[in-house]
Amino acid sequence: MKKFELFELPYAPDALQPAISAETIGFHHGKHLAAYVNNLNALLPGTEWEDMKLEDIVCKATGGVLNNAGQILNHNLYFEQFSGTPRKAEPTGALAEAIVAQFGSIEAFKDEFQKKGATLFGSGWVWLSADAEGKLLITQEPNAANPVQKGLKPLLTFDVWEHAYYLDYQNRRPDHLAALWQIVDWEVVENRYLS
């Protein structure tokens, strides 16, 4: 029996266009994420990690187990935070207040987030996370790393592995990052912050 299943998208593959094409969703979710799930399920039997939750595996494992588990966790959070239906253009409530308190304005936060995503060398992720006191941080995480490994609560992430954007944007990573704001479901991000 498989321990982990492929995350089911809460929208149609073409729902995020033009920010993310259906073709990219097909490869990114249907091929890359599916491969991580299959790889992890094959690696777990007989190991100390086979009965752990995904977050615990990411915090405790190493090597191929960590790489595949980290990519599953990262991609699940990534795909869940988008919506193809009309949504709030910006965060509200407690999350918006925390962003303004930490970064000065929503626009200043978006600028810094995009800059961190654009300047991460190689493959990885840019994250907005909260620490135990609710303070917000933007971090660059290489490869399959996740802020939970630092004791942080992940809230929002943009994937800067080339497979996330190359079919649509080629080498224009900054354009990809700028387009993603159109599809962020801030209610999902706010719920993560308040949970």
N, C-alpha and C. Protein backbone atom coordinates (compact mmCIF):
# COMPACT_ATOMS: atom_id res chain seq x y z
N MET A 1 0.84 -1.20 0.00
CA MET A 1 0.00 0.00 0.00
C MET A 1 0.87 1.25 0.00
N LYS A 2 0.50 2.22 -0.81
CA LYS A 2 1.27 3.46 -0.87
C LYS A 2 0.97 4.31 0.37
N LYS A 3 2.03 4.83 0.96
CA LYS A 3 1.86 5.69 2.13
C LYS A 3 1.38 7.07 1.72
N PHE A 4 1.98 7.62 0.68
CA PHE A 4 1.63 8.97 0.25
C PHE A 4 0.98 8.93 -1.12
N GLU A 5 0.02 9.81 -1.33
CA GLU A 5 -0.71 9.91 -2.58
C GLU A 5 -0.39 11.23 -3.26
N LEU A 6 -0.55 11.28 -4.57
CA LEU A 6 -0.38 12.51 -5.32
C LEU A 6 -1.45 13.51 -4.91
N PHE A 7 -1.02 14.72 -4.55
CA PHE A 7 -1.93 15.79 -4.17
C PHE A 7 -2.93 16.04 -5.30
N GLU A 8 -4.21 16.09 -4.95
CA GLU A 8 -5.23 16.35 -5.96
C GLU A 8 -5.43 17.85 -6.11
N LEU A 9 -5.26 18.34 -7.33
CA LEU A 9 -5.40 19.77 -7.57
C LEU A 9 -6.83 20.22 -7.28
N PRO A 10 -6.99 21.37 -6.59
CA PRO A 10 -8.33 21.87 -6.30
C PRO A 10 -8.90 22.73 -7.43
N TYR A 11 -8.35 22.59 -8.63
CA TYR A 11 -8.78 23.37 -9.79
C TYR A 11 -8.41 22.58 -11.04
N ALA A 12 -8.99 22.97 -12.17
CA ALA A 12 -8.68 22.31 -13.44
C ALA A 12 -7.27 22.68 -13.89
N PRO A 13 -6.61 21.82 -14.68
CA PRO A 13 -5.24 22.11 -15.11
C PRO A 13 -5.08 23.42 -15.88
N ASP A 14 -6.16 23.89 -16.53
CA ASP A 14 -6.05 25.14 -17.28
C ASP A 14 -6.56 26.35 -16.50
N ALA A 15 -6.90 26.16 -15.22
CA ALA A 15 -7.53 27.22 -14.45
C ALA A 15 -6.59 28.36 -14.08
N LEU A 16 -5.29 28.13 -14.11
CA LEU A 16 -4.33 29.15 -13.66
C LEU A 16 -3.74 29.95 -14.81
N GLN A 17 -4.22 29.70 -16.04
CA GLN A 17 -3.72 30.46 -17.19
C GLN A 17 -4.20 31.91 -17.09
N PRO A 18 -3.40 32.87 -17.57
CA PRO A 18 -2.11 32.71 -18.25
C PRO A 18 -0.89 32.65 -17.32
N ALA A 19 -1.09 32.79 -16.01
CA ALA A 19 0.07 32.78 -15.12
C ALA A 19 0.85 31.47 -15.21
N ILE A 20 0.12 30.35 -15.20
CA ILE A 20 0.72 29.03 -15.37
C ILE A 20 -0.13 28.28 -16.38
N SER A 21 0.50 27.79 -17.44
CA SER A 21 -0.25 27.11 -18.49
C SER A 21 -0.67 25.70 -18.07
N ALA A 22 -1.68 25.17 -18.75
CA ALA A 22 -2.10 23.79 -18.52
C ALA A 22 -0.97 22.83 -18.83
N GLU A 23 -0.15 23.14 -19.82
CA GLU A 23 0.98 22.28 -20.17
C GLU A 23 1.98 22.21 -19.01
N THR A 24 2.29 23.36 -18.42
CA THR A 24 3.20 23.37 -17.27
C THR A 24 2.60 22.61 -16.10
N ILE A 25 1.32 22.81 -15.82
CA ILE A 25 0.66 22.06 -14.74
C ILE A 25 0.77 20.56 -15.02
N GLY A 26 0.56 20.16 -16.26
CA GLY A 26 0.64 18.75 -16.61
C GLY A 26 2.00 18.14 -16.30
N PHE A 27 3.06 18.85 -16.66
CA PHE A 27 4.40 18.36 -16.38
C PHE A 27 4.76 18.50 -14.91
N HIS A 28 4.47 19.67 -14.34
CA HIS A 28 4.91 19.99 -12.98
C HIS A 28 4.20 19.10 -11.96
N HIS A 29 2.88 19.04 -12.06
CA HIS A 29 2.10 18.23 -11.12
C HIS A 29 2.06 16.76 -11.55
N GLY A 30 1.73 16.52 -12.81
CA GLY A 30 1.50 15.16 -13.27
C GLY A 30 2.75 14.33 -13.48
N LYS A 31 3.89 14.98 -13.67
CA LYS A 31 5.14 14.24 -13.90
C LYS A 31 6.13 14.43 -12.73
N HIS A 32 6.51 15.69 -12.46
CA HIS A 32 7.52 15.93 -11.42
C HIS A 32 7.02 15.54 -10.03
N LEU A 33 5.88 16.09 -9.60
CA LEU A 33 5.38 15.77 -8.27
C LEU A 33 5.03 14.28 -8.17
N ALA A 34 4.42 13.74 -9.21
CA ALA A 34 4.10 12.31 -9.19
C ALA A 34 5.35 11.46 -9.02
N ALA A 35 6.44 11.85 -9.64
CA ALA A 35 7.70 11.10 -9.51
C ALA A 35 8.23 11.16 -8.08
N TYR A 36 8.14 12.34 -7.45
CA TYR A 36 8.59 12.45 -6.05
C TYR A 36 7.77 11.53 -5.15
N VAL A 37 6.46 11.49 -5.37
CA VAL A 37 5.59 10.63 -4.56
C VAL A 37 5.96 9.16 -4.77
N ASN A 38 6.11 8.76 -6.01
CA ASN A 38 6.47 7.37 -6.30
C ASN A 38 7.84 7.01 -5.73
N ASN A 39 8.79 7.93 -5.87
CA ASN A 39 10.13 7.69 -5.35
C ASN A 39 10.12 7.52 -3.83
N LEU A 40 9.41 8.42 -3.13
CA LEU A 40 9.38 8.34 -1.68
C LEU A 40 8.72 7.05 -1.22
N ASN A 41 7.60 6.70 -1.84
CA ASN A 41 6.92 5.46 -1.47
C ASN A 41 7.81 4.24 -1.66
N ALA A 42 8.68 4.29 -2.65
CA ALA A 42 9.60 3.17 -2.89
C ALA A 42 10.75 3.15 -1.89
N LEU A 43 11.12 4.32 -1.37
CA LEU A 43 12.25 4.42 -0.45
C LEU A 43 11.90 4.12 1.01
N LEU A 44 10.64 4.27 1.39
CA LEU A 44 10.25 4.21 2.80
C LEU A 44 10.20 2.82 3.43
N PRO A 45 9.71 1.78 2.75
CA PRO A 45 9.53 0.48 3.42
C PRO A 45 10.81 -0.02 4.10
N GLY A 46 10.63 -0.41 5.38
CA GLY A 46 11.75 -0.94 6.13
C GLY A 46 12.67 0.09 6.74
N THR A 47 12.35 1.38 6.58
CA THR A 47 13.20 2.43 7.15
C THR A 47 12.56 3.00 8.41
N GLU A 48 13.33 3.76 9.14
CA GLU A 48 12.83 4.40 10.36
C GLU A 48 11.77 5.47 10.06
N TRP A 49 11.68 5.87 8.79
CA TRP A 49 10.76 6.95 8.42
C TRP A 49 9.41 6.46 7.92
N GLU A 50 9.23 5.15 7.76
CA GLU A 50 8.04 4.68 7.06
C GLU A 50 6.73 4.98 7.77
N ASP A 51 6.74 5.20 9.09
CA ASP A 51 5.50 5.51 9.80
C ASP A 51 5.40 6.97 10.21
N MET A 52 6.33 7.80 9.76
CA MET A 52 6.33 9.22 10.12
C MET A 52 5.42 10.04 9.20
N LYS A 53 4.94 11.16 9.74
CA LYS A 53 4.22 12.14 8.92
C LYS A 53 5.24 12.82 8.01
N LEU A 54 4.73 13.39 6.92
CA LEU A 54 5.60 14.01 5.92
C LEU A 54 6.49 15.09 6.54
N GLU A 55 5.93 15.98 7.37
CA GLU A 55 6.70 17.06 7.97
C GLU A 55 7.84 16.51 8.84
N ASP A 56 7.56 15.41 9.56
CA ASP A 56 8.59 14.82 10.40
C ASP A 56 9.71 14.21 9.57
N ILE A 57 9.34 13.59 8.45
CA ILE A 57 10.37 13.04 7.56
C ILE A 57 11.27 14.17 7.06
N VAL A 58 10.65 15.28 6.66
CA VAL A 58 11.42 16.41 6.13
C VAL A 58 12.38 16.96 7.19
N CYS A 59 11.97 16.93 8.45
CA CYS A 59 12.81 17.47 9.53
C CYS A 59 13.90 16.50 9.99
N LYS A 60 13.71 15.20 9.73
CA LYS A 60 14.63 14.21 10.31
C LYS A 60 15.44 13.40 9.30
N ALA A 61 14.95 13.28 8.08
CA ALA A 61 15.61 12.40 7.11
C ALA A 61 16.78 13.11 6.41
N THR A 62 17.52 12.33 5.65
CA THR A 62 18.63 12.84 4.84
C THR A 62 18.57 12.17 3.47
N GLY A 63 19.45 12.61 2.59
CA GLY A 63 19.62 11.96 1.29
C GLY A 63 18.37 11.94 0.44
N GLY A 64 18.18 10.83 -0.27
CA GLY A 64 17.06 10.71 -1.19
C GLY A 64 15.71 10.77 -0.52
N VAL A 65 15.60 10.24 0.69
CA VAL A 65 14.33 10.30 1.41
C VAL A 65 13.97 11.76 1.67
N LEU A 66 14.92 12.53 2.17
CA LEU A 66 14.67 13.96 2.42
C LEU A 66 14.34 14.69 1.13
N ASN A 67 15.10 14.46 0.08
CA ASN A 67 14.87 15.19 -1.17
C ASN A 67 13.46 14.96 -1.71
N ASN A 68 13.02 13.72 -1.72
CA ASN A 68 11.69 13.43 -2.25
C ASN A 68 10.59 13.90 -1.30
N ALA A 69 10.76 13.68 0.00
CA ALA A 69 9.76 14.13 0.97
C ALA A 69 9.65 15.66 0.96
N GLY A 70 10.80 16.35 0.91
CA GLY A 70 10.79 17.80 0.87
C GLY A 70 10.08 18.34 -0.36
N GLN A 71 10.32 17.72 -1.48
CA GLN A 71 9.67 18.17 -2.71
C GLN A 71 8.17 17.91 -2.67
N ILE A 72 7.75 16.82 -2.05
CA ILE A 72 6.31 16.58 -1.92
C ILE A 72 5.67 17.64 -1.03
N LEU A 73 6.26 17.88 0.12
CA LEU A 73 5.71 18.90 1.03
C LEU A 73 5.68 20.27 0.36
N ASN A 74 6.77 20.65 -0.27
CA ASN A 74 6.85 21.95 -0.93
C ASN A 74 5.80 22.09 -2.03
N HIS A 75 5.70 21.07 -2.87
CA HIS A 75 4.75 21.14 -3.98
C HIS A 75 3.30 21.11 -3.50
N ASN A 76 3.01 20.33 -2.47
CA ASN A 76 1.64 20.33 -1.95
C ASN A 76 1.23 21.72 -1.47
N LEU A 77 2.13 22.38 -0.73
CA LEU A 77 1.84 23.73 -0.26
C LEU A 77 1.73 24.70 -1.43
N TYR A 78 2.58 24.53 -2.42
CA TYR A 78 2.59 25.39 -3.61
C TYR A 78 1.29 25.28 -4.39
N PHE A 79 0.92 24.07 -4.77
CA PHE A 79 -0.28 23.91 -5.59
C PHE A 79 -1.56 24.26 -4.83
N GLU A 80 -1.57 24.04 -3.53
CA GLU A 80 -2.76 24.33 -2.73
C GLU A 80 -3.05 25.83 -2.63
N GLN A 81 -2.04 26.67 -2.71
CA GLN A 81 -2.19 28.10 -2.44
C GLN A 81 -2.70 28.90 -3.63
N PHE A 82 -2.96 28.25 -4.75
CA PHE A 82 -3.44 28.96 -5.94
C PHE A 82 -4.92 28.70 -6.18
N SER A 83 -5.52 29.59 -6.95
CA SER A 83 -6.93 29.43 -7.31
C SER A 83 -7.15 30.00 -8.70
N GLY A 84 -8.02 29.33 -9.45
CA GLY A 84 -8.37 29.82 -10.78
C GLY A 84 -9.64 30.62 -10.80
N THR A 85 -10.27 30.79 -9.64
CA THR A 85 -11.51 31.56 -9.56
C THR A 85 -11.22 32.93 -8.97
N PRO A 86 -12.13 33.88 -9.12
CA PRO A 86 -11.88 35.22 -8.57
C PRO A 86 -11.54 35.14 -7.08
N ARG A 87 -10.55 35.91 -6.69
CA ARG A 87 -10.05 35.87 -5.33
C ARG A 87 -9.63 37.27 -4.89
N LYS A 88 -9.33 37.40 -3.62
CA LYS A 88 -8.83 38.67 -3.11
C LYS A 88 -7.47 38.97 -3.75
N ALA A 89 -7.28 40.20 -4.15
CA ALA A 89 -6.02 40.57 -4.80
C ALA A 89 -4.87 40.69 -3.80
N GLU A 90 -5.20 40.92 -2.53
CA GLU A 90 -4.18 41.11 -1.51
C GLU A 90 -4.64 40.48 -0.21
N PRO A 91 -3.72 40.21 0.69
CA PRO A 91 -4.11 39.68 2.00
C PRO A 91 -4.88 40.71 2.80
N THR A 92 -5.65 40.24 3.76
CA THR A 92 -6.41 41.13 4.64
C THR A 92 -6.22 40.65 6.08
N GLY A 93 -6.83 41.36 6.99
CA GLY A 93 -6.85 40.92 8.38
C GLY A 93 -5.48 40.86 9.03
N ALA A 94 -5.33 39.86 9.91
CA ALA A 94 -4.12 39.74 10.73
C ALA A 94 -2.87 39.53 9.87
N LEU A 95 -2.99 38.78 8.79
CA LEU A 95 -1.82 38.56 7.93
C LEU A 95 -1.39 39.86 7.27
N ALA A 96 -2.33 40.63 6.75
CA ALA A 96 -1.99 41.91 6.13
C ALA A 96 -1.33 42.84 7.15
N GLU A 97 -1.87 42.86 8.36
CA GLU A 97 -1.28 43.71 9.40
C GLU A 97 0.15 43.29 9.71
N ALA A 98 0.38 41.98 9.77
CA ALA A 98 1.73 41.49 10.05
C ALA A 98 2.69 41.81 8.91
N ILE A 99 2.21 41.69 7.67
CA ILE A 99 3.05 42.01 6.52
C ILE A 99 3.44 43.50 6.53
N VAL A 100 2.47 44.36 6.76
CA VAL A 100 2.75 45.80 6.78
C VAL A 100 3.69 46.14 7.93
N ALA A 101 3.48 45.53 9.09
CA ALA A 101 4.34 45.79 10.24
C ALA A 101 5.78 45.35 9.96
N GLN A 102 5.94 44.23 9.25
CA GLN A 102 7.27 43.68 9.02
C GLN A 102 7.98 44.31 7.83
N PHE A 103 7.23 44.60 6.74
CA PHE A 103 7.87 45.02 5.49
C PHE A 103 7.53 46.45 5.07
N GLY A 104 6.60 47.09 5.75
CA GLY A 104 6.26 48.49 5.46
C GLY A 104 5.00 48.64 4.63
N SER A 105 4.77 47.73 3.70
CA SER A 105 3.56 47.75 2.87
C SER A 105 3.45 46.41 2.15
N ILE A 106 2.27 46.15 1.60
CA ILE A 106 2.07 44.92 0.82
C ILE A 106 2.99 44.94 -0.40
N GLU A 107 3.07 46.09 -1.06
CA GLU A 107 3.91 46.19 -2.26
C GLU A 107 5.39 45.97 -1.94
N ALA A 108 5.85 46.54 -0.81
CA ALA A 108 7.25 46.34 -0.42
C ALA A 108 7.52 44.86 -0.13
N PHE A 109 6.55 44.18 0.50
CA PHE A 109 6.69 42.74 0.73
C PHE A 109 6.80 42.00 -0.61
N LYS A 110 5.88 42.29 -1.54
CA LYS A 110 5.91 41.59 -2.83
C LYS A 110 7.22 41.84 -3.56
N ASP A 111 7.72 43.07 -3.51
CA ASP A 111 8.99 43.39 -4.17
C ASP A 111 10.14 42.57 -3.58
N GLU A 112 10.19 42.51 -2.24
CA GLU A 112 11.28 41.76 -1.59
C GLU A 112 11.14 40.26 -1.86
N PHE A 113 9.92 39.76 -1.84
CA PHE A 113 9.68 38.34 -2.09
C PHE A 113 10.13 37.97 -3.51
N GLN A 114 9.73 38.79 -4.48
CA GLN A 114 10.14 38.53 -5.86
C GLN A 114 11.65 38.63 -6.02
N LYS A 115 12.27 39.61 -5.39
CA LYS A 115 13.72 39.77 -5.50
C LYS A 115 14.44 38.54 -4.93
N LYS A 116 13.97 38.05 -3.78
CA LYS A 116 14.59 36.86 -3.18
C LYS A 116 14.40 35.64 -4.10
N GLY A 117 13.23 35.55 -4.74
CA GLY A 117 13.00 34.44 -5.67
C GLY A 117 13.87 34.55 -6.91
N ALA A 118 14.02 35.76 -7.41
CA ALA A 118 14.79 35.97 -8.64
C ALA A 118 16.28 35.77 -8.42
N THR A 119 16.76 36.02 -7.20
CA THR A 119 18.20 35.97 -6.94
C THR A 119 18.67 34.68 -6.29
N LEU A 120 17.76 33.75 -6.05
CA LEU A 120 18.18 32.45 -5.51
C LEU A 120 18.97 31.72 -6.59
N PHE A 121 20.21 31.40 -6.30
CA PHE A 121 21.05 30.75 -7.30
C PHE A 121 20.65 29.29 -7.44
N GLY A 122 20.50 28.83 -8.67
CA GLY A 122 20.16 27.45 -8.91
C GLY A 122 18.69 27.18 -8.65
N SER A 123 18.40 25.97 -8.19
CA SER A 123 17.02 25.54 -7.99
C SER A 123 16.62 25.67 -6.53
N GLY A 124 15.34 25.95 -6.31
CA GLY A 124 14.87 26.05 -4.94
C GLY A 124 13.54 26.76 -4.85
N TRP A 125 13.32 27.38 -3.70
CA TRP A 125 12.03 27.96 -3.34
C TRP A 125 12.25 29.26 -2.57
N VAL A 126 11.32 30.20 -2.73
CA VAL A 126 11.30 31.39 -1.87
C VAL A 126 10.03 31.26 -1.02
N TRP A 127 10.17 31.56 0.27
CA TRP A 127 9.09 31.32 1.24
C TRP A 127 8.78 32.55 2.08
N LEU A 128 7.51 32.72 2.37
CA LEU A 128 7.08 33.58 3.47
C LEU A 128 6.68 32.64 4.58
N SER A 129 7.29 32.82 5.75
CA SER A 129 7.00 31.96 6.90
C SER A 129 6.81 32.82 8.14
N ALA A 130 6.29 32.17 9.18
CA ALA A 130 6.13 32.84 10.48
C ALA A 130 6.90 32.05 11.52
N ASP A 131 7.52 32.77 12.46
CA ASP A 131 8.18 32.09 13.57
C ASP A 131 7.17 31.86 14.69
N ALA A 132 7.62 31.34 15.81
CA ALA A 132 6.72 30.97 16.90
C ALA A 132 5.98 32.17 17.48
N GLU A 133 6.54 33.36 17.34
CA GLU A 133 5.89 34.58 17.84
C GLU A 133 5.02 35.25 16.78
N GLY A 134 4.96 34.69 15.58
CA GLY A 134 4.16 35.26 14.51
C GLY A 134 4.91 36.26 13.64
N LYS A 135 6.20 36.47 13.92
CA LYS A 135 7.01 37.36 13.09
C LYS A 135 7.21 36.72 11.72
N LEU A 136 7.10 37.53 10.67
CA LEU A 136 7.22 37.03 9.30
C LEU A 136 8.65 37.13 8.79
N LEU A 137 9.04 36.14 8.00
CA LEU A 137 10.37 36.11 7.40
C LEU A 137 10.25 35.64 5.96
N ILE A 138 11.09 36.18 5.09
CA ILE A 138 11.23 35.68 3.72
C ILE A 138 12.56 34.95 3.66
N THR A 139 12.52 33.69 3.23
CA THR A 139 13.75 32.91 3.14
C THR A 139 13.89 32.28 1.77
N GLN A 140 15.13 32.09 1.38
CA GLN A 140 15.47 31.34 0.17
C GLN A 140 15.88 29.95 0.61
N GLU A 141 15.22 28.94 0.09
CA GLU A 141 15.53 27.56 0.46
C GLU A 141 15.99 26.80 -0.78
N PRO A 142 17.20 26.27 -0.77
CA PRO A 142 17.72 25.56 -1.95
C PRO A 142 17.10 24.18 -2.09
N ASN A 143 17.03 23.72 -3.31
CA ASN A 143 16.65 22.35 -3.65
C ASN A 143 15.31 21.97 -3.02
N ALA A 144 15.29 21.00 -2.08
CA ALA A 144 14.04 20.52 -1.49
C ALA A 144 13.85 21.02 -0.07
N ALA A 145 14.62 22.00 0.37
CA ALA A 145 14.53 22.48 1.75
C ALA A 145 13.18 23.17 2.00
N ASN A 146 12.76 23.15 3.26
CA ASN A 146 11.49 23.74 3.66
C ASN A 146 11.70 24.46 4.99
N PRO A 147 11.02 25.59 5.22
CA PRO A 147 11.19 26.33 6.48
C PRO A 147 10.86 25.52 7.74
N VAL A 148 10.08 24.44 7.64
CA VAL A 148 9.79 23.64 8.85
C VAL A 148 11.08 23.09 9.45
N GLN A 149 12.10 22.94 8.63
CA GLN A 149 13.38 22.44 9.14
C GLN A 149 14.05 23.44 10.07
N LYS A 150 13.62 24.70 10.02
CA LYS A 150 14.15 25.75 10.89
C LYS A 150 13.17 26.12 12.00
N GLY A 151 12.11 25.31 12.16
CA GLY A 151 11.12 25.59 13.18
C GLY A 151 10.13 26.66 12.80
N LEU A 152 10.02 26.96 11.50
CA LEU A 152 9.11 28.01 11.02
C LEU A 152 7.84 27.39 10.46
N LYS A 153 6.79 28.22 10.37
CA LYS A 153 5.52 27.80 9.77
C LYS A 153 5.47 28.35 8.35
N PRO A 154 5.49 27.49 7.31
CA PRO A 154 5.43 27.96 5.92
C PRO A 154 4.04 28.51 5.59
N LEU A 155 4.03 29.68 4.95
CA LEU A 155 2.76 30.33 4.61
C LEU A 155 2.53 30.44 3.11
N LEU A 156 3.56 30.83 2.38
CA LEU A 156 3.45 31.10 0.95
C LEU A 156 4.78 30.73 0.30
N THR A 157 4.72 30.11 -0.87
CA THR A 157 5.96 29.77 -1.56
C THR A 157 5.82 29.92 -3.06
N PHE A 158 6.90 30.36 -3.70
CA PHE A 158 7.01 30.35 -5.15
C PHE A 158 8.16 29.42 -5.51
N ASP A 159 7.88 28.53 -6.43
CA ASP A 159 8.85 27.53 -6.89
C ASP A 159 9.75 28.16 -7.94
N VAL A 160 11.07 28.11 -7.73
CA VAL A 160 11.98 28.67 -8.74
C VAL A 160 12.86 27.58 -9.37
N TRP A 161 12.43 26.32 -9.26
CA TRP A 161 13.03 25.30 -10.11
C TRP A 161 12.58 25.58 -11.54
N GLU A 162 13.45 25.35 -12.51
CA GLU A 162 13.11 25.68 -13.89
C GLU A 162 11.88 24.95 -14.39
N HIS A 163 11.62 23.73 -13.88
CA HIS A 163 10.46 23.00 -14.38
C HIS A 163 9.14 23.70 -14.03
N ALA A 164 9.18 24.63 -13.07
CA ALA A 164 7.97 25.35 -12.67
C ALA A 164 7.57 26.42 -13.68
N TYR A 165 8.52 26.85 -14.50
CA TYR A 165 8.21 28.00 -15.36
C TYR A 165 8.80 27.97 -16.76
N TYR A 166 9.71 27.03 -17.05
CA TYR A 166 10.48 27.15 -18.30
C TYR A 166 9.62 27.03 -19.55
N LEU A 167 8.60 26.21 -19.54
CA LEU A 167 7.75 26.08 -20.74
C LEU A 167 7.03 27.38 -21.05
N ASP A 168 6.67 28.14 -20.02
CA ASP A 168 5.92 29.38 -20.21
C ASP A 168 6.80 30.63 -20.30
N TYR A 169 7.91 30.63 -19.57
CA TYR A 169 8.71 31.86 -19.44
C TYR A 169 10.16 31.71 -19.88
N GLN A 170 10.56 30.52 -20.30
CA GLN A 170 11.96 30.24 -20.63
C GLN A 170 12.86 30.68 -19.46
N ASN A 171 13.81 31.57 -19.69
CA ASN A 171 14.72 31.97 -18.62
C ASN A 171 14.27 33.24 -17.90
N ARG A 172 13.03 33.65 -18.10
CA ARG A 172 12.54 34.90 -17.50
C ARG A 172 11.91 34.62 -16.13
N ARG A 173 12.72 34.19 -15.20
CA ARG A 173 12.22 33.87 -13.87
C ARG A 173 11.50 35.05 -13.22
N PRO A 174 12.01 36.30 -13.30
CA PRO A 174 11.29 37.42 -12.67
C PRO A 174 9.88 37.60 -13.23
N ASP A 175 9.67 37.37 -14.53
CA ASP A 175 8.33 37.49 -15.10
C ASP A 175 7.40 36.42 -14.53
N HIS A 176 7.92 35.23 -14.38
CA HIS A 176 7.15 34.14 -13.77
C HIS A 176 6.72 34.51 -12.35
N LEU A 177 7.66 35.01 -11.56
CA LEU A 177 7.35 35.37 -10.18
C LEU A 177 6.30 36.47 -10.11
N ALA A 178 6.43 37.47 -10.96
CA ALA A 178 5.46 38.57 -10.96
C ALA A 178 4.07 38.10 -11.33
N ALA A 179 3.98 37.12 -12.23
CA ALA A 179 2.67 36.63 -12.69
C ALA A 179 1.94 35.83 -11.62
N LEU A 180 2.67 35.21 -10.71
CA LEU A 180 2.04 34.33 -9.73
C LEU A 180 1.12 35.06 -8.75
N TRP A 181 1.35 36.36 -8.54
CA TRP A 181 0.47 37.11 -7.62
C TRP A 181 -0.98 37.08 -8.12
N GLN A 182 -1.18 36.95 -9.43
CA GLN A 182 -2.54 36.94 -9.99
C GLN A 182 -3.36 35.74 -9.53
N ILE A 183 -2.70 34.66 -9.11
CA ILE A 183 -3.43 33.43 -8.80
C ILE A 183 -3.30 33.00 -7.34
N VAL A 184 -2.62 33.78 -6.50
CA VAL A 184 -2.51 33.43 -5.08
C VAL A 184 -3.88 33.49 -4.43
N ASP A 185 -4.23 32.45 -3.73
CA ASP A 185 -5.47 32.41 -2.95
C ASP A 185 -5.11 32.84 -1.53
N TRP A 186 -5.30 34.12 -1.24
CA TRP A 186 -4.87 34.67 0.04
C TRP A 186 -5.62 34.07 1.21
N GLU A 187 -6.83 33.55 0.98
CA GLU A 187 -7.54 32.89 2.08
C GLU A 187 -6.80 31.67 2.56
N VAL A 188 -6.21 30.90 1.65
CA VAL A 188 -5.41 29.75 2.03
C VAL A 188 -4.21 30.19 2.85
N VAL A 189 -3.52 31.24 2.38
CA VAL A 189 -2.32 31.73 3.08
C VAL A 189 -2.69 32.28 4.45
N GLU A 190 -3.80 33.03 4.52
CA GLU A 190 -4.25 33.58 5.81
C GLU A 190 -4.61 32.46 6.78
N ASN A 191 -5.25 31.41 6.29
CA ASN A 191 -5.60 30.29 7.17
C ASN A 191 -4.35 29.59 7.71
N ARG A 192 -3.33 29.51 6.89
CA ARG A 192 -2.07 28.92 7.37
C ARG A 192 -1.48 29.80 8.48
N TYR A 193 -1.56 31.11 8.31
CA TYR A 193 -1.01 32.02 9.30
C TYR A 193 -1.77 31.91 10.62
N LEU A 194 -3.08 31.76 10.54
CA LEU A 194 -3.90 31.76 11.76
C LEU A 194 -3.98 30.39 12.41
N SER A 195 -3.55 29.35 11.73
CA SER A 195 -3.69 27.98 12.31
C SER A 195 -2.63 27.70 13.37
